[in-house]
């Protein structure tokens, strides 16, 4: 379990430092999959990305991203698609995540309250909690597949710029993009501390 390394009061918000967890198929299981290199000729199986691209036209493209330092205050999820992200060249990058919290509309009847929100995209969800945020370090020839609704912040990285391949849908960022702002809603900013170890 990942816990904050240090929490300091720094107006106008709290700064929560988190040490990254190395992304492996086991450590990332609650959020999606880590896909590693496999021998050529292997048949499709459970270690391959289990994709859902059925709600639109797939879009596979390369993103050029600049100035994404190791901190974040917003986190996003996509309710209708699995998303795959990987760095070109296998360089180290980081991703903040929270497990999916989408709620079935049937379950919200009579229970609507401050803890259940209707997204502008039309679905219902429970806002992510500060204590549930995890940060993963992704390195080498691997990529991550995010489950439906997995909250994610990033890619984040130390160099000035990096390129990433991204598999989602053509309109994901237009019609399926729900964001939670931790600074506005929880008064919190997360900072990734690569050189510290979480307490036991």
C-alpha atoms as a PDB file:
ATOM      1  CA  UNK A   1       0.000   0.000   0.000  1.00  0.00           C
ATOM      2  CA  UNK A   2       1.297   3.421  -0.900  1.00  0.00           C
ATOM      3  CA  UNK A   3       1.038   6.163   1.704  1.00  0.00           C
ATOM      4  CA  UNK A   4       2.062   9.834   1.676  1.00  0.00           C
ATOM      5  CA  UNK A   5       5.733  10.428   2.443  1.00  0.00           C
ATOM      6  CA  UNK A   6       5.120  13.885   3.740  1.00  0.00           C
ATOM      7  CA  UNK A   7       2.201  16.262   4.051  1.00  0.00           C
ATOM      8  CA  UNK A   8       2.913  19.918   4.601  1.00  0.00           C
ATOM      9  CA  UNK A   9       0.650  22.922   4.991  1.00  0.00           C
ATOM     10  CA  UNK A  10       1.529  25.443   2.299  1.00  0.00           C
ATOM     11  CA  UNK A  11      -1.149  28.025   1.550  1.00  0.00           C
ATOM     12  CA  UNK A  12      -3.313  27.967  -0.383  1.00  0.00           C
ATOM     13  CA  UNK A  13      -3.247  24.142  -0.389  1.00  0.00           C
ATOM     14  CA  UNK A  14      -1.718  21.045   1.152  1.00  0.00           C
ATOM     15  CA  UNK A  15       1.227  19.429  -0.627  1.00  0.00           C
ATOM     16  CA  UNK A  16       1.160  15.620  -0.508  1.00  0.00           C
ATOM     17  CA  UNK A  17       4.371  13.886  -1.549  1.00  0.00           C
ATOM     18  CA  UNK A  18       4.089  10.361  -2.932  1.00  0.00           C
ATOM     19  CA  UNK A  19       6.829   7.870  -3.781  1.00  0.00           C
ATOM     20  CA  UNK A  20       6.254   6.030  -7.077  1.00  0.00           C
ATOM     21  CA  UNK A  21       5.560   2.316  -7.280  1.00  0.00           C
ATOM     22  CA  UNK A  22       7.270   0.410 -10.090  1.00  0.00           C
ATOM     23  CA  UNK A  23       4.563  -0.616 -12.553  1.00  0.00           C
ATOM     24  CA  UNK A  24       4.336  -4.390 -12.953  1.00  0.00           C
ATOM     25  CA  UNK A  25       1.431  -6.602 -13.995  1.00  0.00           C
ATOM     26  CA  UNK A  26       0.879  -7.397 -10.319  1.00  0.00           C
ATOM     27  CA  UNK A  27       1.234  -3.910  -8.814  1.00  0.00           C
ATOM     28  CA  UNK A  28      -0.951  -2.240 -11.461  1.00  0.00           C
ATOM     29  CA  UNK A  29      -3.709  -4.868 -11.525  1.00  0.00           C
ATOM     30  CA  UNK A  30      -6.361  -2.755  -9.767  1.00  0.00           C
ATOM     31  CA  UNK A  31      -6.027   0.007 -12.358  1.00  0.00           C
ATOM     32  CA  UNK A  32      -5.514  -1.910 -15.591  1.00  0.00           C
ATOM     33  CA  UNK A  33      -2.687  -3.880 -17.143  1.00  0.00           C
ATOM     34  CA  UNK A  34       1.038  -3.524 -17.690  1.00  0.00           C
ATOM     35  CA  UNK A  35       1.915  -5.053 -21.048  1.00  0.00           C
ATOM     36  CA  UNK A  36       5.503  -6.235 -21.492  1.00  0.00           C
ATOM     37  CA  UNK A  37       7.398  -7.603 -24.477  1.00  0.00           C
ATOM     38  CA  UNK A  38       6.459 -11.114 -25.608  1.00  0.00           C
ATOM     39  CA  UNK A  39       8.118 -13.452 -28.116  1.00  0.00           C
ATOM     40  CA  UNK A  40       7.079 -13.038 -31.729  1.00  0.00           C
ATOM     41  CA  UNK A  41       4.469 -15.612 -32.647  1.00  0.00           C
ATOM     42  CA  UNK A  42       2.813 -15.849 -29.221  1.00  0.00           C
ATOM     43  CA  UNK A  43      -0.944 -16.248 -29.516  1.00  0.00           C
ATOM     44  CA  UNK A  44      -3.389 -13.841 -27.886  1.00  0.00           C
ATOM     45  CA  UNK A  45      -3.908 -14.480 -24.200  1.00  0.00           C
ATOM     46  CA  UNK A  46      -4.603 -12.916 -20.792  1.00  0.00           C
ATOM     47  CA  UNK A  47      -1.227 -11.152 -20.732  1.00  0.00           C
ATOM     48  CA  UNK A  48      -2.187  -9.131 -23.812  1.00  0.00           C
ATOM     49  CA  UNK A  49      -4.109  -5.877 -23.503  1.00  0.00           C
ATOM     50  CA  UNK A  50      -7.802  -6.645 -23.032  1.00  0.00           C
ATOM     51  CA  UNK A  51      -9.239  -3.763 -25.040  1.00  0.00           C
ATOM     52  CA  UNK A  52     -12.705  -2.261 -25.405  1.00  0.00           C
ATOM     53  CA  UNK A  53     -12.882   0.042 -28.420  1.00  0.00           C
ATOM     54  CA  UNK A  54     -16.513  -0.793 -29.269  1.00  0.00           C
ATOM     55  CA  UNK A  55     -18.062   2.613 -28.542  1.00  0.00           C
ATOM     56  CA  UNK A  56     -16.482   4.493 -31.430  1.00  0.00           C
ATOM     57  CA  UNK A  57     -13.688   4.630 -33.957  1.00  0.00           C
ATOM     58  CA  UNK A  58     -10.243   3.771 -32.506  1.00  0.00           C
ATOM     59  CA  UNK A  59      -7.562   6.416 -32.625  1.00  0.00           C
ATOM     60  CA  UNK A  60      -3.905   5.366 -32.381  1.00  0.00           C
ATOM     61  CA  UNK A  61      -1.506   8.292 -32.450  1.00  0.00           C
ATOM     62  CA  UNK A  62       1.706   9.774 -31.074  1.00  0.00           C
ATOM     63  CA  UNK A  63       1.440  12.625 -28.573  1.00  0.00           C
ATOM     64  CA  UNK A  64       4.271  15.130 -28.226  1.00  0.00           C
ATOM     65  CA  UNK A  65       4.118  16.492 -24.684  1.00  0.00           C
ATOM     66  CA  UNK A  66       6.197  19.269 -23.137  1.00  0.00           C
ATOM     67  CA  UNK A  67       6.634  20.574 -19.599  1.00  0.00           C
ATOM     68  CA  UNK A  68       4.898  17.919 -17.518  1.00  0.00           C
ATOM     69  CA  UNK A  69       6.807  18.075 -14.209  1.00  0.00           C
ATOM     70  CA  UNK A  70       6.303  15.553 -11.419  1.00  0.00           C
ATOM     71  CA  UNK A  71       3.247  17.137  -9.795  1.00  0.00           C
ATOM     72  CA  UNK A  72      -0.488  17.223 -10.432  1.00  0.00           C
ATOM     73  CA  UNK A  73      -3.729  18.561  -9.032  1.00  0.00           C
ATOM     74  CA  UNK A  74      -6.254  17.237 -11.579  1.00  0.00           C
ATOM     75  CA  UNK A  75      -7.131  13.676 -12.493  1.00  0.00           C
ATOM     76  CA  UNK A  76      -9.295  12.347 -15.338  1.00  0.00           C
ATOM     77  CA  UNK A  77     -11.210   9.244 -16.331  1.00  0.00           C
ATOM     78  CA  UNK A  78     -12.831   7.887 -19.497  1.00  0.00           C
ATOM     79  CA  UNK A  79     -15.997   5.858 -18.952  1.00  0.00           C
ATOM     80  CA  UNK A  80     -16.455   4.335 -22.416  1.00  0.00           C
ATOM     81  CA  UNK A  81     -13.043   3.110 -23.495  1.00  0.00           C
ATOM     82  CA  UNK A  82      -9.893   1.372 -22.338  1.00  0.00           C
ATOM     83  CA  UNK A  83      -6.839   3.540 -22.967  1.00  0.00           C
ATOM     84  CA  UNK A  84      -3.257   2.497 -23.697  1.00  0.00           C
ATOM     85  CA  UNK A  85      -0.242   4.720 -23.078  1.00  0.00           C
ATOM     86  CA  UNK A  86       3.461   4.104 -23.610  1.00  0.00           C
ATOM     87  CA  UNK A  87       6.595   6.180 -24.094  1.00  0.00           C
ATOM     88  CA  UNK A  88       8.423   6.174 -27.418  1.00  0.00           C
ATOM     89  CA  UNK A  89      11.846   4.709 -26.699  1.00  0.00           C
ATOM     90  CA  UNK A  90      10.958   3.200 -23.330  1.00  0.00           C
ATOM     91  CA  UNK A  91      11.952   6.267 -21.326  1.00  0.00           C
ATOM     92  CA  UNK A  92      10.881   6.621 -17.696  1.00  0.00           C
ATOM     93  CA  UNK A  93       7.562   8.318 -17.010  1.00  0.00           C
ATOM     94  CA  UNK A  94       5.003   8.507 -14.231  1.00  0.00           C
ATOM     95  CA  UNK A  95       1.251   8.199 -13.900  1.00  0.00           C
ATOM     96  CA  UNK A  96      -0.981   9.138 -10.984  1.00  0.00           C
ATOM     97  CA  UNK A  97      -4.013   6.858 -10.691  1.00  0.00           C
ATOM     98  CA  UNK A  98      -7.097   6.031  -8.633  1.00  0.00           C
ATOM     99  CA  UNK A  99      -9.239   2.927  -9.108  1.00  0.00           C
ATOM    100  CA  UNK A 100     -12.463   3.325 -11.128  1.00  0.00           C
ATOM    101  CA  UNK A 101     -15.408   4.779  -9.210  1.00  0.00           C
ATOM    102  CA  UNK A 102     -18.168   4.791 -11.836  1.00  0.00           C
ATOM    103  CA  UNK A 103     -21.595   3.996 -10.365  1.00  0.00           C
ATOM    104  CA  UNK A 104     -24.401   2.189 -12.178  1.00  0.00           C
ATOM    105  CA  UNK A 105     -27.379   4.565 -12.630  1.00  0.00           C
ATOM    106  CA  UNK A 106     -29.672   1.941 -11.086  1.00  0.00           C
ATOM    107  CA  UNK A 107     -27.625   2.025  -7.889  1.00  0.00           C
ATOM    108  CA  UNK A 108     -27.936   5.803  -7.560  1.00  0.00           C
ATOM    109  CA  UNK A 109     -31.739   5.835  -7.239  1.00  0.00           C
ATOM    110  CA  UNK A 110     -32.626   7.238  -3.847  1.00  0.00           C
ATOM    111  CA  UNK A 111     -28.979   7.594  -2.896  1.00  0.00           C
ATOM    112  CA  UNK A 112     -27.991  10.732  -4.768  1.00  0.00           C
ATOM    113  CA  UNK A 113     -25.933  12.929  -2.493  1.00  0.00           C
ATOM    114  CA  UNK A 114     -22.662  14.752  -2.108  1.00  0.00           C
ATOM    115  CA  UNK A 115     -20.735  11.496  -2.626  1.00  0.00           C
ATOM    116  CA  UNK A 116     -22.266  10.691  -6.039  1.00  0.00           C
ATOM    117  CA  UNK A 117     -21.781  13.050  -8.973  1.00  0.00           C
ATOM    118  CA  UNK A 118     -23.279  13.061 -12.451  1.00  0.00           C
ATOM    119  CA  UNK A 119     -20.600  13.688 -15.064  1.00  0.00           C
ATOM    120  CA  UNK A 120     -21.266  16.136 -17.876  1.00  0.00           C
ATOM    121  CA  UNK A 121     -20.693  13.054 -20.053  1.00  0.00           C
ATOM    122  CA  UNK A 122     -23.871  11.472 -18.623  1.00  0.00           C
ATOM    123  CA  UNK A 123     -22.608   8.810 -16.213  1.00  0.00           C
ATOM    124  CA  UNK A 124     -22.428   8.802 -12.402  1.00  0.00           C
ATOM    125  CA  UNK A 125     -19.308   8.443 -10.270  1.00  0.00           C
ATOM    126  CA  UNK A 126     -17.917   8.851  -6.776  1.00  0.00           C
ATOM    127  CA  UNK A 127     -15.175  11.518  -6.663  1.00  0.00           C
ATOM    128  CA  UNK A 128     -11.674  10.126  -6.065  1.00  0.00           C
ATOM    129  CA  UNK A 129     -10.362  10.345  -2.499  1.00  0.00           C
ATOM    130  CA  UNK A 130      -6.997  11.888  -1.659  1.00  0.00           C
ATOM    131  CA  UNK A 131      -5.916   8.810   0.294  1.00  0.00           C
ATOM    132  CA  UNK A 132      -6.613   6.526  -2.695  1.00  0.00           C
ATOM    133  CA  UNK A 133      -4.166   8.239  -5.059  1.00  0.00           C
ATOM    134  CA  UNK A 134      -1.205   6.124  -6.176  1.00  0.00           C
ATOM    135  CA  UNK A 135       1.713   7.005  -8.443  1.00  0.00           C
ATOM    136  CA  UNK A 136       3.401   4.502 -10.756  1.00  0.00           C
ATOM    137  CA  UNK A 137       6.775   4.597 -12.469  1.00  0.00           C
ATOM    138  CA  UNK A 138       6.762   3.087 -15.969  1.00  0.00           C
ATOM    139  CA  UNK A 139      10.097   2.264 -17.584  1.00  0.00           C
ATOM    140  CA  UNK A 140      11.474   0.166 -20.405  1.00  0.00           C
ATOM    141  CA  UNK A 141       9.650  -1.578 -23.235  1.00  0.00           C
ATOM    142  CA  UNK A 142       6.186  -1.730 -21.689  1.00  0.00           C
ATOM    143  CA  UNK A 143       2.928   0.175 -21.780  1.00  0.00           C
ATOM    144  CA  UNK A 144      -0.118   0.470 -19.563  1.00  0.00           C
ATOM    145  CA  UNK A 145      -3.735  -0.246 -20.410  1.00  0.00           C
ATOM    146  CA  UNK A 146      -6.187   1.665 -18.228  1.00  0.00           C
ATOM    147  CA  UNK A 147      -9.480   0.032 -17.333  1.00  0.00           C
ATOM    148  CA  UNK A 148     -12.757   1.833 -17.988  1.00  0.00           C
ATOM    149  CA  UNK A 149     -13.032   4.674 -15.478  1.00  0.00           C
ATOM    150  CA  UNK A 150      -9.511   4.472 -14.061  1.00  0.00           C
ATOM    151  CA  UNK A 151      -8.609   7.969 -12.900  1.00  0.00           C
ATOM    152  CA  UNK A 152      -5.245   9.078 -14.290  1.00  0.00           C
ATOM    153  CA  UNK A 153      -2.943  12.093 -14.122  1.00  0.00           C
ATOM    154  CA  UNK A 154      -0.155  12.217 -16.662  1.00  0.00           C
ATOM    155  CA  UNK A 155       1.984  11.207 -18.406  1.00  0.00           C
ATOM    156  CA  UNK A 156       4.464  13.082 -16.192  1.00  0.00           C
ATOM    157  CA  UNK A 157       8.238  13.076 -16.675  1.00  0.00           C
ATOM    158  CA  UNK A 158      11.502  14.840 -15.835  1.00  0.00           C
ATOM    159  CA  UNK A 159      12.820  15.787 -19.331  1.00  0.00           C
ATOM    160  CA  UNK A 160      11.490  18.891 -21.058  1.00  0.00           C
ATOM    161  CA  UNK A 161       9.588  16.858 -23.667  1.00  0.00           C
ATOM    162  CA  UNK A 162       8.660  13.264 -24.476  1.00  0.00           C
ATOM    163  CA  UNK A 163       6.619  11.425 -27.106  1.00  0.00           C
ATOM    164  CA  UNK A 164       3.935   8.871 -26.215  1.00  0.00           C
ATOM    165  CA  UNK A 165       1.725   6.555 -28.203  1.00  0.00           C
ATOM    166  CA  UNK A 166      -1.919   6.636 -27.211  1.00  0.00           C
ATOM    167  CA  UNK A 167      -4.773   4.290 -28.106  1.00  0.00           C
ATOM    168  CA  UNK A 168      -8.278   5.547 -27.360  1.00  0.00           C
ATOM    169  CA  UNK A 169     -11.238   6.681 -29.517  1.00  0.00           C
ATOM    170  CA  UNK A 170     -11.382   9.564 -31.981  1.00  0.00           C
ATOM    171  CA  UNK A 171     -13.715  11.566 -29.716  1.00  0.00           C
ATOM    172  CA  UNK A 172     -12.550  10.444 -26.261  1.00  0.00           C
ATOM    173  CA  UNK A 173     -11.276  13.859 -25.233  1.00  0.00           C
ATOM    174  CA  UNK A 174     -14.432  15.548 -26.538  1.00  0.00           C
ATOM    175  CA  UNK A 175     -17.321  13.434 -25.204  1.00  0.00           C
ATOM    176  CA  UNK A 176     -15.723  11.126 -22.587  1.00  0.00           C
ATOM    177  CA  UNK A 177     -13.471  13.269 -20.443  1.00  0.00           C
ATOM    178  CA  UNK A 178     -14.393  13.643 -16.746  1.00  0.00           C
ATOM    179  CA  UNK A 179     -11.977  15.572 -14.507  1.00  0.00           C
ATOM    180  CA  UNK A 180     -11.646  16.021 -10.743  1.00  0.00           C
ATOM    181  CA  UNK A 181      -9.636  18.978  -9.434  1.00  0.00           C
ATOM    182  CA  UNK A 182      -7.986  18.114  -6.112  1.00  0.00           C
ATOM    183  CA  UNK A 183      -6.872  21.687  -5.464  1.00  0.00           C
ATOM    184  CA  UNK A 184     -10.362  23.115  -5.870  1.00  0.00           C
ATOM    185  CA  UNK A 185     -12.265  20.249  -4.247  1.00  0.00           C
ATOM    186  CA  UNK A 186      -9.790  18.964  -1.634  1.00  0.00           C
ATOM    187  CA  UNK A 187      -7.233  21.764  -1.254  1.00  0.00           C
ATOM    188  CA  UNK A 188      -4.443  19.337  -2.239  1.00  0.00           C
ATOM    189  CA  UNK A 189      -1.507  19.274  -4.681  1.00  0.00           C
ATOM    190  CA  UNK A 190       0.368  15.988  -5.281  1.00  0.00           C
ATOM    191  CA  UNK A 191       4.134  15.932  -5.822  1.00  0.00           C
ATOM    192  CA  UNK A 192       6.010  12.818  -6.958  1.00  0.00           C
ATOM    193  CA  UNK A 193       9.147  12.192  -4.893  1.00  0.00           C
ATOM    194  CA  UNK A 194      11.280   9.722  -6.853  1.00  0.00           C
ATOM    195  CA  UNK A 195      14.086   9.637  -4.313  1.00  0.00           C
ATOM    196  CA  UNK A 196      12.142   8.716  -1.173  1.00  0.00           C
ATOM    197  CA  UNK A 197      10.700   5.456   0.040  1.00  0.00           C
ATOM    198  CA  UNK A 198       7.167   5.179   1.417  1.00  0.00           C
ATOM    199  CA  UNK A 199       7.027   4.285   5.120  1.00  0.00           C
ATOM    200  CA  UNK A 200       6.137   0.710   6.042  1.00  0.00           C
END
